[in-house]
Amino acid sequence: MSYRVLLIALVAVTLHAATATEWKTLSPAAKVVEVNKNGVGDIWSDCSKSGDPAKIDKVVITPDPPVKGKEVTVNVTVELSEKVTGGSIAVEVKYGIIPIYDTTLDLCDTLKEIGMVCPVASGTYDKGLSVAIPSEIPSGHYTGNAEVTDQDKKELACVNFDLHI
């Protein structure tokens, strides 16, 4: 379950942000990651296709990189160009080369976990979420991918992540 919470914080929030319910004051250690022309962030990269409806404009991760046993806050700005009434999030995570998580989550159920409901209207959204990273997870290199599709199975957005905890 702790992997799912971490994934929801780092993936679902990154992909489908909504209006801010509670922004936290960022510490000087916070790192603002603006998406450059290649769509590359810091511990994540945008693997979306050019016509995908969700565009990730900015991500702030505190602390960056995340630290086990500590709270990580992810604040995101996303532009959504179409209304989304449903869909799924296909998530794959590896610890080193070992697959540890491979599942498909219901998009609307996942959004409920971060205080949102379907349908999600088109527009620009900001959202922040904080979650504790369990101290029990093994230190090491984690990589993964999350592909979000809409109610018609059309790709909304795609994110690859590569981080050391």
Protein backbone atom coordinates (compact mmCIF):
# COMPACT_ATOMS: atom_id res chain seq x y z
CA MET A 1 0.00 0.00 0.00
CA SER A 2 2.88 2.41 0.75
CA TYR A 3 4.10 2.10 -2.86
CA ARG A 4 0.62 3.02 -4.10
CA VAL A 5 0.53 6.15 -1.92
CA LEU A 6 3.98 7.18 -3.16
CA LEU A 7 2.95 6.57 -6.76
CA ILE A 8 -0.22 8.56 -6.35
CA ALA A 9 1.80 11.45 -4.98
CA LEU A 10 4.48 11.39 -7.66
CA VAL A 11 2.48 10.27 -10.67
CA ALA A 12 -1.24 10.89 -10.42
CA VAL A 13 -0.81 14.35 -8.97
CA THR A 14 1.79 15.18 -11.56
CA LEU A 15 -0.50 14.17 -14.36
CA HIS A 16 -3.92 15.36 -13.27
CA ALA A 17 -3.81 18.37 -11.03
CA ALA A 18 -6.84 20.34 -9.93
CA THR A 19 -7.36 23.70 -8.31
CA ALA A 20 -5.22 24.12 -5.24
CA THR A 21 -6.92 23.18 -2.03
CA GLU A 22 -3.93 23.88 0.17
CA TRP A 23 -0.55 25.19 -1.02
CA LYS A 24 2.28 24.88 1.43
CA THR A 25 4.95 27.54 1.85
CA LEU A 26 8.00 26.31 0.02
CA SER A 27 11.25 26.08 1.89
CA PRO A 28 14.52 27.33 0.39
CA ALA A 29 15.33 23.67 -0.33
CA ALA A 30 12.39 23.40 -2.73
CA LYS A 31 13.35 22.99 -6.34
CA VAL A 32 11.14 24.45 -9.06
CA VAL A 33 11.34 22.28 -12.13
CA GLU A 34 10.16 24.07 -15.26
CA VAL A 35 9.54 21.82 -18.23
CA ASN A 36 12.09 22.65 -20.90
CA LYS A 37 11.50 22.38 -24.64
CA ASN A 38 12.28 18.66 -24.52
CA GLY A 39 9.74 18.05 -21.77
CA VAL A 40 12.38 16.96 -19.28
CA GLY A 41 12.06 17.64 -15.57
CA ASP A 42 14.44 16.59 -12.81
CA ILE A 43 13.47 13.14 -11.49
CA TRP A 44 10.75 12.79 -14.11
CA SER A 45 10.42 13.27 -17.83
CA ASP A 46 7.38 13.95 -19.96
CA CYS A 47 6.90 11.08 -22.45
CA SER A 48 3.59 12.48 -23.72
CA LYS A 49 2.92 12.79 -27.41
CA SER A 50 2.77 16.32 -28.86
CA GLY A 51 -1.03 16.21 -29.20
CA ASP A 52 -1.81 14.85 -25.73
CA PRO A 53 -4.43 16.95 -23.90
CA ALA A 54 -2.51 17.29 -20.60
CA LYS A 55 0.56 19.55 -20.60
CA ILE A 56 2.72 19.68 -17.47
CA ASP A 57 3.92 23.27 -17.05
CA LYS A 58 5.69 23.22 -13.68
CA VAL A 59 6.54 20.81 -10.88
CA VAL A 60 7.90 21.71 -7.44
CA ILE A 61 9.17 18.76 -5.39
CA THR A 62 10.22 19.29 -1.78
CA PRO A 63 12.64 17.82 -0.84
CA ASP A 64 14.23 16.98 -4.18
CA PRO A 65 15.19 14.21 -4.28
CA PRO A 66 12.60 12.60 -1.96
CA VAL A 67 13.96 11.11 1.27
CA LYS A 68 12.60 7.96 2.88
CA GLY A 69 11.09 8.52 6.30
CA LYS A 70 10.27 12.14 5.37
CA GLU A 71 7.29 13.90 3.86
CA VAL A 72 7.51 14.82 0.17
CA THR A 73 5.39 17.61 -1.26
CA VAL A 74 4.60 17.73 -4.97
CA ASN A 75 3.06 20.94 -6.37
CA VAL A 76 2.08 20.88 -10.03
CA THR A 77 0.71 23.18 -12.73
CA VAL A 78 -1.07 21.33 -15.54
CA GLU A 79 -2.99 22.56 -18.57
CA LEU A 80 -5.80 20.24 -19.63
CA SER A 81 -7.26 20.95 -23.07
CA GLU A 82 -10.28 18.66 -22.90
CA LYS A 83 -12.91 17.50 -20.42
CA VAL A 84 -12.13 14.13 -18.85
CA THR A 85 -15.00 11.96 -17.58
CA GLY A 86 -13.04 8.78 -16.83
CA GLY A 87 -10.02 6.74 -17.74
CA SER A 88 -7.13 4.80 -16.32
CA ILE A 89 -3.52 5.12 -15.16
CA ALA A 90 -1.19 2.28 -16.20
CA VAL A 91 1.76 2.27 -13.79
CA GLU A 92 4.97 0.26 -13.91
CA VAL A 93 7.73 0.61 -11.29
CA LYS A 94 11.10 -1.09 -11.03
CA TYR A 95 13.55 -1.22 -8.16
CA GLY A 96 16.81 -1.44 -10.07
CA ILE A 97 15.95 -3.98 -12.74
CA ILE A 98 13.35 -5.81 -10.64
CA PRO A 99 9.69 -5.05 -11.46
CA ILE A 100 7.92 -4.29 -8.17
CA TYR A 101 4.65 -2.69 -9.24
CA ASP A 102 2.62 -3.14 -12.42
CA THR A 103 -1.03 -2.21 -12.32
CA THR A 104 -3.79 -0.21 -13.92
CA LEU A 105 -5.66 2.21 -11.67
CA ASP A 106 -9.05 3.73 -12.31
CA LEU A 107 -8.46 7.43 -13.00
CA CYS A 108 -11.57 8.71 -11.18
CA ASP A 109 -10.94 6.52 -8.11
CA THR A 110 -7.35 7.76 -7.97
CA LEU A 111 -8.45 11.38 -8.30
CA LYS A 112 -10.83 10.89 -5.34
CA GLU A 113 -7.80 9.99 -3.23
CA ILE A 114 -6.40 13.48 -3.86
CA GLY A 115 -9.69 15.33 -3.34
CA MET A 116 -10.93 15.53 -6.95
CA VAL A 117 -13.95 14.17 -8.75
CA CYS A 118 -14.71 13.29 -12.34
CA PRO A 119 -15.54 14.89 -14.67
CA VAL A 120 -12.53 17.23 -14.82
CA ALA A 121 -13.13 20.27 -17.04
CA SER A 122 -10.52 21.64 -19.42
CA GLY A 123 -8.37 24.43 -18.00
CA THR A 124 -5.18 25.21 -16.14
CA TYR A 125 -4.93 23.66 -12.70
CA ASP A 126 -2.58 23.85 -9.72
CA LYS A 127 -2.50 21.17 -7.05
CA GLY A 128 -0.32 20.29 -4.12
CA LEU A 129 -0.11 17.04 -2.22
CA SER A 130 2.10 15.91 0.62
CA VAL A 131 2.71 12.31 1.56
CA ALA A 132 5.14 10.56 3.90
CA ILE A 133 7.61 8.20 2.27
CA PRO A 134 7.81 5.14 4.51
CA SER A 135 11.21 4.65 6.13
CA GLU A 136 10.85 0.90 5.51
CA ILE A 137 11.18 1.10 1.73
CA PRO A 138 14.59 0.00 0.49
CA SER A 139 17.09 2.65 -0.51
CA GLY A 140 18.02 2.47 -4.15
CA HIS A 141 17.22 3.32 -7.73
CA TYR A 142 13.54 3.41 -8.76
CA THR A 143 12.36 3.86 -12.35
CA GLY A 144 8.92 3.73 -13.82
CA ASN A 145 6.30 4.91 -16.21
CA ALA A 146 2.72 6.09 -15.90
CA GLU A 147 0.45 6.47 -18.88
CA VAL A 148 -2.89 8.17 -18.33
CA THR A 149 -5.71 7.53 -20.76
CA ASP A 150 -9.17 9.06 -20.93
CA GLN A 151 -12.63 7.52 -21.14
CA ASP A 152 -12.03 6.71 -24.85
CA LYS A 153 -8.63 5.07 -24.12
CA LYS A 154 -6.87 8.06 -25.72
CA GLU A 155 -3.56 9.03 -24.10
CA LEU A 156 -3.86 12.15 -21.95
CA ALA A 157 -0.30 12.24 -20.69
CA CYS A 158 2.73 10.07 -20.01
CA VAL A 159 5.46 10.41 -17.39
CA ASN A 160 8.69 8.48 -16.89
CA PHE A 161 10.38 8.77 -13.51
CA ASP A 162 13.88 7.97 -12.37
CA LEU A 163 14.84 8.62 -8.77
CA HIS A 164 17.10 7.49 -6.00
CA ILE A 165 15.72 7.17 -2.50
